[in-house]
Amino acid sequence: MAKISKEYQLKVSVKDALTNVEELNKSFEAQEDLIQELEGDLRKYEKQLDKTSKRNWKGREKLNEQIKNTKDRLKEEQAGLKAVNKDRKRANDQLKKSTKNATDNSAA
């Protein structure tokens, strides 16, 4: 009877690990998309700044502020992406261990 309980717990553990990996993969993809969007915005603002007359102080000041804010958000998102990537690696390792343990115990 204890063996059945143990097998059931391992299956749940593998299921939980797989769900965790899938959630982290979705989060990773969402952050990658956001970073690409921010990089596109940054390029757009820099092109606008290049086209703006040097005498147009207010326009240049506004664009420089947008560039600064976009760079700050980009740094934050890149740091978040690194954290998600680390979590994803840990979750993948846990999934591999859980799967291995489940197959080892089912063979016994």
PDB file of N, CA and C in Angstrom:
ATOM      1  N   MET A   1       0.820  -1.188   0.000  1.00  0.00           N
ATOM      2  CA  MET A   1       0.000   0.000   0.000  1.00  0.00           C
ATOM      3  C   MET A   1       0.872   1.264   0.000  1.00  0.00           C
ATOM      4  N   ALA A   2       1.942   1.236   0.726  1.00  0.00           N
ATOM      5  CA  ALA A   2       2.832   2.401   0.786  1.00  0.00           C
ATOM      6  C   ALA A   2       3.451   2.674  -0.573  1.00  0.00           C
ATOM      7  N   LYS A   3       3.702   1.614  -1.340  1.00  0.00           N
ATOM      8  CA  LYS A   3       4.294   1.774  -2.666  1.00  0.00           C
ATOM      9  C   LYS A   3       3.361   2.552  -3.582  1.00  0.00           C
ATOM     10  N   ILE A   4       2.084   2.280  -3.533  1.00  0.00           N
ATOM     11  CA  ILE A   4       1.102   2.986  -4.362  1.00  0.00           C
ATOM     12  C   ILE A   4       1.085   4.465  -3.994  1.00  0.00           C
ATOM     13  N   SER A   5       1.105   4.763  -2.723  1.00  0.00           N
ATOM     14  CA  SER A   5       1.124   6.146  -2.258  1.00  0.00           C
ATOM     15  C   SER A   5       2.366   6.864  -2.761  1.00  0.00           C
ATOM     16  N   LYS A   6       3.490   6.198  -2.713  1.00  0.00           N
ATOM     17  CA  LYS A   6       4.749   6.796  -3.158  1.00  0.00           C
ATOM     18  C   LYS A   6       4.715   7.057  -4.658  1.00  0.00           C
ATOM     19  N   GLU A   7       4.211   6.139  -5.436  1.00  0.00           N
ATOM     20  CA  GLU A   7       4.119   6.328  -6.887  1.00  0.00           C
ATOM     21  C   GLU A   7       3.198   7.487  -7.207  1.00  0.00           C
ATOM     22  N   TYR A   8       2.111   7.614  -6.510  1.00  0.00           N
ATOM     23  CA  TYR A   8       1.167   8.691  -6.742  1.00  0.00           C
ATOM     24  C   TYR A   8       1.806  10.048  -6.463  1.00  0.00           C
ATOM     25  N   GLN A   9       2.556  10.134  -5.381  1.00  0.00           N
ATOM     26  CA  GLN A   9       3.231  11.379  -5.037  1.00  0.00           C
ATOM     27  C   GLN A   9       4.267  11.738  -6.091  1.00  0.00           C
ATOM     28  N   LEU A  10       4.960  10.782  -6.637  1.00  0.00           N
ATOM     29  CA  LEU A  10       5.945  11.061  -7.669  1.00  0.00           C
ATOM     30  C   LEU A  10       5.277  11.578  -8.930  1.00  0.00           C
ATOM     31  N   LYS A  11       4.143  10.997  -9.303  1.00  0.00           N
ATOM     32  CA  LYS A  11       3.432  11.456 -10.496  1.00  0.00           C
ATOM     33  C   LYS A  11       2.960  12.891 -10.326  1.00  0.00           C
ATOM     34  N   VAL A  12       2.465  13.225  -9.164  1.00  0.00           N
ATOM     35  CA  VAL A  12       2.042  14.596  -8.888  1.00  0.00           C
ATOM     36  C   VAL A  12       3.242  15.519  -8.941  1.00  0.00           C
ATOM     37  N   SER A  13       4.352  15.059  -8.411  1.00  0.00           N
ATOM     38  CA  SER A  13       5.555  15.863  -8.410  1.00  0.00           C
ATOM     39  C   SER A  13       6.017  16.165  -9.844  1.00  0.00           C
ATOM     40  N   VAL A  14       5.961  15.163 -10.717  1.00  0.00           N
ATOM     41  CA  VAL A  14       6.338  15.376 -12.117  1.00  0.00           C
ATOM     42  C   VAL A  14       5.356  16.323 -12.773  1.00  0.00           C
ATOM     43  N   LYS A  15       4.076  16.141 -12.482  1.00  0.00           N
ATOM     44  CA  LYS A  15       3.050  17.022 -13.056  1.00  0.00           C
ATOM     45  C   LYS A  15       3.261  18.464 -12.605  1.00  0.00           C
ATOM     46  N   ASP A  16       3.525  18.649 -11.316  1.00  0.00           N
ATOM     47  CA  ASP A  16       3.774  19.995 -10.787  1.00  0.00           C
ATOM     48  C   ASP A  16       5.021  20.617 -11.413  1.00  0.00           C
ATOM     49  N   ALA A  17       6.054  19.822 -11.556  1.00  0.00           N
ATOM     50  CA  ALA A  17       7.296  20.326 -12.158  1.00  0.00           C
ATOM     51  C   ALA A  17       7.059  20.732 -13.606  1.00  0.00           C
ATOM     52  N   LEU A  18       6.297  19.949 -14.333  1.00  0.00           N
ATOM     53  CA  LEU A  18       5.998  20.268 -15.732  1.00  0.00           C
ATOM     54  C   LEU A  18       5.169  21.546 -15.832  1.00  0.00           C
ATOM     55  N   THR A  19       4.189  21.693 -14.962  1.00  0.00           N
ATOM     56  CA  THR A  19       3.373  22.904 -14.946  1.00  0.00           C
ATOM     57  C   THR A  19       4.232  24.128 -14.650  1.00  0.00           C
ATOM     58  N   ASN A  20       5.139  23.994 -13.707  1.00  0.00           N
ATOM     59  CA  ASN A  20       6.037  25.088 -13.346  1.00  0.00           C
ATOM     60  C   ASN A  20       6.921  25.486 -14.529  1.00  0.00           C
ATOM     61  N   VAL A  21       7.462  24.502 -15.235  1.00  0.00           N
ATOM     62  CA  VAL A  21       8.307  24.783 -16.399  1.00  0.00           C
ATOM     63  C   VAL A  21       7.495  25.491 -17.480  1.00  0.00           C
ATOM     64  N   GLU A  22       6.283  25.037 -17.715  1.00  0.00           N
ATOM     65  CA  GLU A  22       5.442  25.663 -18.740  1.00  0.00           C
ATOM     66  C   GLU A  22       5.126  27.111 -18.393  1.00  0.00           C
ATOM     67  N   GLU A  23       4.816  27.384 -17.129  1.00  0.00           N
ATOM     68  CA  GLU A  23       4.537  28.750 -16.697  1.00  0.00           C
ATOM     69  C   GLU A  23       5.765  29.644 -16.853  1.00  0.00           C
ATOM     70  N   LEU A  24       6.912  29.126 -16.478  1.00  0.00           N
ATOM     71  CA  LEU A  24       8.143  29.913 -16.614  1.00  0.00           C
ATOM     72  C   LEU A  24       8.483  30.154 -18.080  1.00  0.00           C
ATOM     73  N   ASN A  25       8.213  29.179 -18.944  1.00  0.00           N
ATOM     74  CA  ASN A  25       8.453  29.370 -20.378  1.00  0.00           C
ATOM     75  C   ASN A  25       7.561  30.476 -20.931  1.00  0.00           C
ATOM     76  N   LYS A  26       6.303  30.514 -20.511  1.00  0.00           N
ATOM     77  CA  LYS A  26       5.390  31.572 -20.958  1.00  0.00           C
ATOM     78  C   LYS A  26       5.870  32.933 -20.467  1.00  0.00           C
ATOM     79  N   SER A  27       6.306  32.995 -19.222  1.00  0.00           N
ATOM     80  CA  SER A  27       6.808  34.243 -18.657  1.00  0.00           C
ATOM     81  C   SER A  27       8.062  34.702 -19.398  1.00  0.00           C
ATOM     82  N   PHE A  28       8.938  33.755 -19.716  1.00  0.00           N
ATOM     83  CA  PHE A  28      10.164  34.057 -20.443  1.00  0.00           C
ATOM     84  C   PHE A  28       9.839  34.638 -21.814  1.00  0.00           C
ATOM     85  N   GLU A  29       8.913  34.013 -22.526  1.00  0.00           N
ATOM     86  CA  GLU A  29       8.535  34.488 -23.859  1.00  0.00           C
ATOM     87  C   GLU A  29       7.901  35.874 -23.791  1.00  0.00           C
ATOM     88  N   ALA A  30       7.062  36.112 -22.785  1.00  0.00           N
ATOM     89  CA  ALA A  30       6.425  37.417 -22.629  1.00  0.00           C
ATOM     90  C   ALA A  30       7.466  38.503 -22.369  1.00  0.00           C
ATOM     91  N   GLN A  31       8.453  38.202 -21.543  1.00  0.00           N
ATOM     92  CA  GLN A  31       9.491  39.193 -21.267  1.00  0.00           C
ATOM     93  C   GLN A  31      10.365  39.434 -22.494  1.00  0.00           C
ATOM     94  N   GLU A  32      10.649  38.388 -23.256  1.00  0.00           N
ATOM     95  CA  GLU A  32      11.417  38.575 -24.489  1.00  0.00           C
ATOM     96  C   GLU A  32      10.670  39.491 -25.448  1.00  0.00           C
ATOM     97  N   ASP A  33       9.356  39.281 -25.579  1.00  0.00           N
ATOM     98  CA  ASP A  33       8.550  40.127 -26.456  1.00  0.00           C
ATOM     99  C   ASP A  33       8.564  41.577 -25.992  1.00  0.00           C
ATOM    100  N   LEU A  34       8.440  41.774 -24.685  1.00  0.00           N
ATOM    101  CA  LEU A  34       8.456  43.133 -24.143  1.00  0.00           C
ATOM    102  C   LEU A  34       9.808  43.795 -24.379  1.00  0.00           C
ATOM    103  N   ILE A  35      10.881  43.056 -24.216  1.00  0.00           N
ATOM    104  CA  ILE A  35      12.220  43.616 -24.450  1.00  0.00           C
ATOM    105  C   ILE A  35      12.372  44.012 -25.913  1.00  0.00           C
ATOM    106  N   GLN A  36      11.906  43.187 -26.823  1.00  0.00           N
ATOM    107  CA  GLN A  36      11.980  43.530 -28.245  1.00  0.00           C
ATOM    108  C   GLN A  36      11.179  44.788 -28.540  1.00  0.00           C
ATOM    109  N   GLU A  37      10.014  44.908 -27.919  1.00  0.00           N
ATOM    110  CA  GLU A  37       9.183  46.096 -28.108  1.00  0.00           C
ATOM    111  C   GLU A  37       9.894  47.342 -27.584  1.00  0.00           C
ATOM    112  N   LEU A  38      10.497  47.232 -26.400  1.00  0.00           N
ATOM    113  CA  LEU A  38      11.220  48.368 -25.822  1.00  0.00           C
ATOM    114  C   LEU A  38      12.423  48.756 -26.678  1.00  0.00           C
ATOM    115  N   GLU A  39      13.125  47.767 -27.220  1.00  0.00           N
ATOM    116  CA  GLU A  39      14.265  48.070 -28.092  1.00  0.00           C
ATOM    117  C   GLU A  39      13.797  48.787 -29.351  1.00  0.00           C
ATOM    118  N   GLY A  40      12.648  48.385 -29.887  1.00  0.00           N
ATOM    119  CA  GLY A  40      12.085  49.064 -31.053  1.00  0.00           C
ATOM    120  C   GLY A  40      11.712  50.499 -30.723  1.00  0.00           C
ATOM    121  N   ASP A  41      11.094  50.710 -29.562  1.00  0.00           N
ATOM    122  CA  ASP A  41      10.745  52.064 -29.135  1.00  0.00           C
ATOM    123  C   ASP A  41      11.995  52.921 -28.976  1.00  0.00           C
ATOM    124  N   LEU A  42      13.036  52.343 -28.400  1.00  0.00           N
ATOM    125  CA  LEU A  42      14.285  53.069 -28.186  1.00  0.00           C
ATOM    126  C   LEU A  42      14.878  53.518 -29.522  1.00  0.00           C
ATOM    127  N   ARG A  43      14.910  52.600 -30.493  1.00  0.00           N
ATOM    128  CA  ARG A  43      15.425  52.970 -31.825  1.00  0.00           C
ATOM    129  C   ARG A  43      14.587  54.081 -32.452  1.00  0.00           C
ATOM    130  N   LYS A  44      13.260  53.997 -32.281  1.00  0.00           N
ATOM    131  CA  LYS A  44      12.370  55.016 -32.836  1.00  0.00           C
ATOM    132  C   LYS A  44      12.648  56.384 -32.211  1.00  0.00           C
ATOM    133  N   TYR A  45      12.795  56.432 -30.897  1.00  0.00           N
ATOM    134  CA  TYR A  45      13.077  57.699 -30.214  1.00  0.00           C
ATOM    135  C   TYR A  45      14.442  58.260 -30.631  1.00  0.00           C
ATOM    136  N   GLU A  46      15.428  57.389 -30.776  1.00  0.00           N
ATOM    137  CA  GLU A  46      16.756  57.865 -31.181  1.00  0.00           C
ATOM    138  C   GLU A  46      16.734  58.406 -32.606  1.00  0.00           C
ATOM    139  N   LYS A  47      15.981  57.792 -33.494  1.00  0.00           N
ATOM    140  CA  LYS A  47      15.847  58.318 -34.865  1.00  0.00           C
ATOM    141  C   LYS A  47      15.148  59.665 -34.848  1.00  0.00           C
ATOM    142  N   GLN A  48      14.104  59.803 -34.037  1.00  0.00           N
ATOM    143  CA  GLN A  48      13.403  61.073 -33.928  1.00  0.00           C
ATOM    144  C   GLN A  48      14.331  62.151 -33.390  1.00  0.00           C
ATOM    145  N   LEU A  49      15.166  61.778 -32.443  1.00  0.00           N
ATOM    146  CA  LEU A  49      16.109  62.736 -31.872  1.00  0.00           C
ATOM    147  C   LEU A  49      17.101  63.205 -32.931  1.00  0.00           C
ATOM    148  N   ASP A  50      17.568  62.272 -33.768  1.00  0.00           N
ATOM    149  CA  ASP A  50      18.501  62.642 -34.834  1.00  0.00           C
ATOM    150  C   ASP A  50      17.856  63.605 -35.822  1.00  0.00           C
ATOM    151  N   LYS A  51      16.559  63.438 -36.057  1.00  0.00           N
ATOM    152  CA  LYS A  51      15.854  64.285 -37.027  1.00  0.00           C
ATOM    153  C   LYS A  51      15.418  65.621 -36.438  1.00  0.00           C
ATOM    154  N   THR A  52      15.409  65.728 -35.113  1.00  0.00           N
ATOM    155  CA  THR A  52      14.953  66.945 -34.447  1.00  0.00           C
ATOM    156  C   THR A  52      16.057  68.006 -34.499  1.00  0.00           C
ATOM    157  N   SER A  53      15.647  69.207 -34.819  1.00  0.00           N
ATOM    158  CA  SER A  53      16.582  70.330 -34.904  1.00  0.00           C
ATOM    159  C   SER A  53      17.255  70.572 -33.563  1.00  0.00           C
ATOM    160  N   LYS A  54      18.524  70.929 -33.616  1.00  0.00           N
ATOM    161  CA  LYS A  54      19.262  71.198 -32.384  1.00  0.00           C
ATOM    162  C   LYS A  54      18.725  72.446 -31.671  1.00  0.00           C
ATOM    163  N   ARG A  55      17.990  73.285 -32.394  1.00  0.00           N
ATOM    164  CA  ARG A  55      17.409  74.484 -31.797  1.00  0.00           C
ATOM    165  C   ARG A  55      16.080  74.188 -31.099  1.00  0.00           C
ATOM    166  N   ASN A  56      15.522  73.026 -31.348  1.00  0.00           N
ATOM    167  CA  ASN A  56      14.247  72.641 -30.742  1.00  0.00           C
ATOM    168  C   ASN A  56      14.526  71.984 -29.387  1.00  0.00           C
ATOM    169  N   TRP A  57      14.809  72.833 -28.387  1.00  0.00           N
ATOM    170  CA  TRP A  57      15.210  72.331 -27.082  1.00  0.00           C
ATOM    171  C   TRP A  57      14.111  71.519 -26.399  1.00  0.00           C
ATOM    172  N   LYS A  58      12.895  72.013 -26.478  1.00  0.00           N
ATOM    173  CA  LYS A  58      11.798  71.308 -25.800  1.00  0.00           C
ATOM    174  C   LYS A  58      11.571  69.939 -26.420  1.00  0.00           C
ATOM    175  N   GLY A  59      11.609  69.855 -27.726  1.00  0.00           N
ATOM    176  CA  GLY A  59      11.421  68.576 -28.408  1.00  0.00           C
ATOM    177  C   GLY A  59      12.542  67.597 -28.083  1.00  0.00           C
ATOM    178  N   ARG A  60      13.764  68.095 -28.089  1.00  0.00           N
ATOM    179  CA  ARG A  60      14.923  67.245 -27.774  1.00  0.00           C
ATOM    180  C   ARG A  60      14.889  66.800 -26.306  1.00  0.00           C
ATOM    181  N   GLU A  61      14.486  67.724 -25.435  1.00  0.00           N
ATOM    182  CA  GLU A  61      14.412  67.390 -24.010  1.00  0.00           C
ATOM    183  C   GLU A  61      13.370  66.286 -23.775  1.00  0.00           C
ATOM    184  N   LYS A  62      12.231  66.403 -24.438  1.00  0.00           N
ATOM    185  CA  LYS A  62      11.178  65.401 -24.299  1.00  0.00           C
ATOM    186  C   LYS A  62      11.662  64.042 -24.826  1.00  0.00           C
ATOM    187  N   LEU A  63      12.311  64.039 -25.981  1.00  0.00           N
ATOM    188  CA  LEU A  63      12.819  62.786 -26.544  1.00  0.00           C
ATOM    189  C   LEU A  63      13.909  62.176 -25.675  1.00  0.00           C
ATOM    190  N   ASN A  64      14.793  63.017 -25.153  1.00  0.00           N
ATOM    191  CA  ASN A  64      15.847  62.507 -24.261  1.00  0.00           C
ATOM    192  C   ASN A  64      15.249  61.874 -23.006  1.00  0.00           C
ATOM    193  N   GLU A  65      14.166  62.459 -22.495  1.00  0.00           N
ATOM    194  CA  GLU A  65      13.493  61.890 -21.318  1.00  0.00           C
ATOM    195  C   GLU A  65      12.865  60.540 -21.677  1.00  0.00           C
ATOM    196  N   GLN A  66      12.256  60.454 -22.865  1.00  0.00           N
ATOM    197  CA  GLN A  66      11.662  59.192 -23.313  1.00  0.00           C
ATOM    198  C   GLN A  66      12.749  58.125 -23.503  1.00  0.00           C
ATOM    199  N   ILE A  67      13.868  58.525 -24.047  1.00  0.00           N
ATOM    200  CA  ILE A  67      14.989  57.593 -24.252  1.00  0.00           C
ATOM    201  C   ILE A  67      15.490  57.093 -22.901  1.00  0.00           C
ATOM    202  N   LYS A  68      15.657  58.005 -21.951  1.00  0.00           N
ATOM    203  CA  LYS A  68      16.131  57.626 -20.615  1.00  0.00           C
ATOM    204  C   LYS A  68      15.155  56.652 -19.953  1.00  0.00           C
ATOM    205  N   ASN A  69      13.865  56.960 -19.996  1.00  0.00           N
ATOM    206  CA  ASN A  69      12.853  56.094 -19.380  1.00  0.00           C
ATOM    207  C   ASN A  69      12.820  54.721 -20.044  1.00  0.00           C
ATOM    208  N   THR A  70      12.946  54.709 -21.361  1.00  0.00           N
ATOM    209  CA  THR A  70      12.925  53.443 -22.089  1.00  0.00           C
ATOM    210  C   THR A  70      14.150  52.607 -21.750  1.00  0.00           C
ATOM    211  N   LYS A  71      15.310  53.243 -21.651  1.00  0.00           N
ATOM    212  CA  LYS A  71      16.531  52.516 -21.280  1.00  0.00           C
ATOM    213  C   LYS A  71      16.420  51.944 -19.871  1.00  0.00           C
ATOM    214  N   ASP A  72      15.834  52.713 -18.963  1.00  0.00           N
ATOM    215  CA  ASP A  72      15.650  52.233 -17.591  1.00  0.00           C
ATOM    216  C   ASP A  72      14.724  51.022 -17.553  1.00  0.00           C
ATOM    217  N   ARG A  73      13.607  51.101 -18.273  1.00  0.00           N
ATOM    218  CA  ARG A  73      12.669  49.971 -18.318  1.00  0.00           C
ATOM    219  C   ARG A  73      13.320  48.761 -18.970  1.00  0.00           C
ATOM    220  N   LEU A  74      14.121  49.017 -19.994  1.00  0.00           N
ATOM    221  CA  LEU A  74      14.807  47.930 -20.700  1.00  0.00           C
ATOM    222  C   LEU A  74      15.771  47.208 -19.752  1.00  0.00           C
ATOM    223  N   LYS A  75      16.517  47.969 -18.952  1.00  0.00           N
ATOM    224  CA  LYS A  75      17.432  47.360 -17.974  1.00  0.00           C
ATOM    225  C   LYS A  75      16.665  46.514 -16.959  1.00  0.00           C
ATOM    226  N   GLU A  76      15.535  47.037 -16.483  1.00  0.00           N
ATOM    227  CA  GLU A  76      14.722  46.300 -15.511  1.00  0.00           C
ATOM    228  C   GLU A  76      14.209  44.992 -16.110  1.00  0.00           C
ATOM    229  N   GLU A  77      13.724  45.055 -17.335  1.00  0.00           N
ATOM    230  CA  GLU A  77      13.182  43.862 -17.984  1.00  0.00           C
ATOM    231  C   GLU A  77      14.281  42.842 -18.286  1.00  0.00           C
ATOM    232  N   GLN A  78      15.457  43.323 -18.659  1.00  0.00           N
ATOM    233  CA  GLN A  78      16.563  42.406 -18.916  1.00  0.00           C
ATOM    234  C   GLN A  78      16.998  41.710 -17.628  1.00  0.00           C
ATOM    235  N   ALA A  79      16.991  42.436 -16.522  1.00  0.00           N
ATOM    236  CA  ALA A  79      17.316  41.819 -15.232  1.00  0.00           C
ATOM    237  C   ALA A  79      16.243  40.795 -14.861  1.00  0.00           C
ATOM    238  N   GLY A  80      14.996  41.125 -15.121  1.00  0.00           N
ATOM    239  CA  GLY A  80      13.909  40.187 -14.862  1.00  0.00           C
ATOM    240  C   GLY A  80      14.017  38.951 -15.728  1.00  0.00           C
ATOM    241  N   LEU A  81      14.433  39.143 -16.967  1.00  0.00           N
ATOM    242  CA  LEU A  81      14.604  38.020 -17.890  1.00  0.00           C
ATOM    243  C   LEU A  81      15.701  37.081 -17.389  1.00  0.00           C
ATOM    244  N   LYS A  82      16.775  37.648 -16.865  1.00  0.00           N
ATOM    245  CA  LYS A  82      17.847  36.820 -16.306  1.00  0.00           C
ATOM    246  C   LYS A  82      17.334  35.991 -15.137  1.00  0.00           C
ATOM    247  N   ALA A  83      16.526  36.620 -14.286  1.00  0.00           N
ATOM    248  CA  ALA A  83      15.984  35.913 -13.125  1.00  0.00           C
ATOM    249  C   ALA A  83      15.049  34.783 -13.564  1.00  0.00           C
ATOM    250  N   VAL A  84      14.203  35.062 -14.546  1.00  0.00           N
ATOM    251  CA  VAL A  84      13.286  34.036 -15.044  1.00  0.00           C
ATOM    252  C   VAL A  84      14.075  32.904 -15.693  1.00  0.00           C
ATOM    253  N   ASN A  85      15.127  33.262 -16.380  1.00  0.00           N
ATOM    254  CA  ASN A  85      15.957  32.235 -17.037  1.00  0.00           C
ATOM    255  C   ASN A  85      16.601  31.319 -15.992  1.00  0.00           C
ATOM    256  N   LYS A  86      17.072  31.883 -14.882  1.00  0.00           N
ATOM    257  CA  LYS A  86      17.647  31.073 -13.811  1.00  0.00           C
ATOM    258  C   LYS A  86      16.584  30.159 -13.204  1.00  0.00           C
ATOM    259  N   ASP A  87      15.404  30.721 -12.957  1.00  0.00           N
ATOM    260  CA  ASP A  87      14.315  29.925 -12.403  1.00  0.00           C
ATOM    261  C   ASP A  87      13.911  28.812 -13.362  1.00  0.00           C
ATOM    262  N   ARG A  88      13.919  29.133 -14.635  1.00  0.00           N
ATOM    263  CA  ARG A  88      13.565  28.151 -15.664  1.00  0.00           C
ATOM    264  C   ARG A  88      14.562  26.997 -15.678  1.00  0.00           C
ATOM    265  N   LYS A  89      15.832  27.339 -15.540  1.00  0.00           N
ATOM    266  CA  LYS A  89      16.867  26.303 -15.521  1.00  0.00           C
ATOM    267  C   LYS A  89      16.674  25.391 -14.308  1.00  0.00           C
ATOM    268  N   ARG A  90      16.418  25.989 -13.146  1.00  0.00           N
ATOM    269  CA  ARG A  90      16.178  25.191 -11.939  1.00  0.00           C
ATOM    270  C   ARG A  90      14.941  24.298 -12.101  1.00  0.00           C
ATOM    271  N   ALA A  91      13.895  24.868 -12.683  1.00  0.00           N
ATOM    272  CA  ALA A  91      12.662  24.100 -12.863  1.00  0.00           C
ATOM    273  C   ALA A  91      12.875  22.950 -13.846  1.00  0.00           C
ATOM    274  N   ASN A  92      13.647  23.188 -14.903  1.00  0.00           N
ATOM    275  CA  ASN A  92      13.956  22.111 -15.851  1.00  0.00           C
ATOM    276  C   ASN A  92      14.768  21.014 -15.186  1.00  0.00           C
ATOM    277  N   ASP A  93      15.718  21.399 -14.353  1.00  0.00           N
ATOM    278  CA  ASP A  93      16.502  20.402 -13.613  1.00  0.00           C
ATOM    279  C   ASP A  93      15.611  19.592 -12.682  1.00  0.00           C
ATOM    280  N   GLN A  94      14.699  20.280 -12.002  1.00  0.00           N
ATOM    281  CA  GLN A  94      13.776  19.589 -11.091  1.00  0.00           C
ATOM    282  C   GLN A  94      12.871  18.637 -11.864  1.00  0.00           C
ATOM    283  N   LEU A  95      12.427  19.063 -13.038  1.00  0.00           N
ATOM    284  CA  LEU A  95      11.584  18.202 -13.867  1.00  0.00           C
ATOM    285  C   LEU A  95      12.346  16.946 -14.290  1.00  0.00           C
ATOM    286  N   LYS A  96      13.596  17.121 -14.668  1.00  0.00           N
ATOM    287  CA  LYS A  96      14.418  15.969 -15.069  1.00  0.00           C
ATOM    288  C   LYS A  96      14.587  14.998 -13.896  1.00  0.00           C
ATOM    289  N   LYS A  97      14.865  15.541 -12.707  1.00  0.00           N
ATOM    290  CA  LYS A  97      15.035  14.692 -11.526  1.00  0.00           C
ATOM    291  C   LYS A  97      13.739  13.971 -11.187  1.00  0.00           C
ATOM    292  N   SER A  98      12.633  14.699 -11.248  1.00  0.00           N
ATOM    293  CA  SER A  98      11.339  14.085 -10.926  1.00  0.00           C
ATOM    294  C   SER A  98      10.979  12.989 -11.924  1.00  0.00           C
ATOM    295  N   THR A  99      11.238  13.249 -13.193  1.00  0.00           N
ATOM    296  CA  THR A  99      10.941  12.267 -14.230  1.00  0.00           C
ATOM    297  C   THR A  99      11.821  11.042 -14.039  1.00  0.00           C
ATOM    298  N   LYS A 100      13.096  11.267 -13.739  1.00  0.00           N
ATOM    299  CA  LYS A 100      14.023  10.150 -13.536  1.00  0.00           C
ATOM    300  C   LYS A 100      13.598   9.325 -12.328  1.00  0.00           C
ATOM    301  N   ASN A 101      13.244   9.996 -11.241  1.00  0.00           N
ATOM    302  CA  ASN A 101      12.807   9.288 -10.046  1.00  0.00           C
ATOM    303  C   ASN A 101      11.530   8.493 -10.309  1.00  0.00           C
ATOM    304  N   ALA A 102      10.633   9.077 -11.079  1.00  0.00           N
ATOM    305  CA  ALA A 102       9.377   8.390 -11.372  1.00  0.00           C
ATOM    306  C   ALA A 102       9.622   7.153 -12.223  1.00  0.00           C
ATOM    307  N   THR A 103      10.516   7.250 -13.210  1.00  0.00           N
ATOM    308  CA  THR A 103      10.804   6.091 -14.051  1.00  0.00           C
ATOM    309  C   THR A 103      11.604   5.042 -13.293  1.00  0.00           C
ATOM    310  N   ASP A 104      12.488   5.471 -12.416  1.00  0.00           N
ATOM    311  CA  ASP A 104      13.254   4.523 -11.592  1.00  0.00           C
ATOM    312  C   ASP A 104      12.336   3.745 -10.664  1.00  0.00           C
ATOM    313  N   ASN A 105      11.380   4.425 -10.067  1.00  0.00           N
ATOM    314  CA  ASN A 105      10.467   3.766  -9.123  1.00  0.00           C
ATOM    315  C   ASN A 105       9.423   2.915  -9.831  1.00  0.00           C
ATOM    316  N   SER A 106       9.036   3.295 -11.038  1.00  0.00           N
ATOM    317  CA  SER A 106       8.046   2.494 -11.750  1.00  0.00           C
ATOM    318  C   SER A 106       8.671   1.202 -12.283  1.00  0.00           C
ATOM    319  N   ALA A 107       9.975   1.204 -12.500  1.00  0.00           N
ATOM    320  CA  ALA A 107      10.665   0.008 -12.978  1.00  0.00           C
ATOM    321  C   ALA A 107      10.878  -0.994 -11.845  1.00  0.00           C
ATOM    322  N   ALA A 108      10.876  -0.513 -10.621  1.00  0.00           N
ATOM    323  CA  ALA A 108      11.144  -1.388  -9.470  1.00  0.00           C
ATOM    324  C   ALA A 108       9.977  -2.265  -9.117  1.00  0.00           C
TER     325      ALA A 108
END
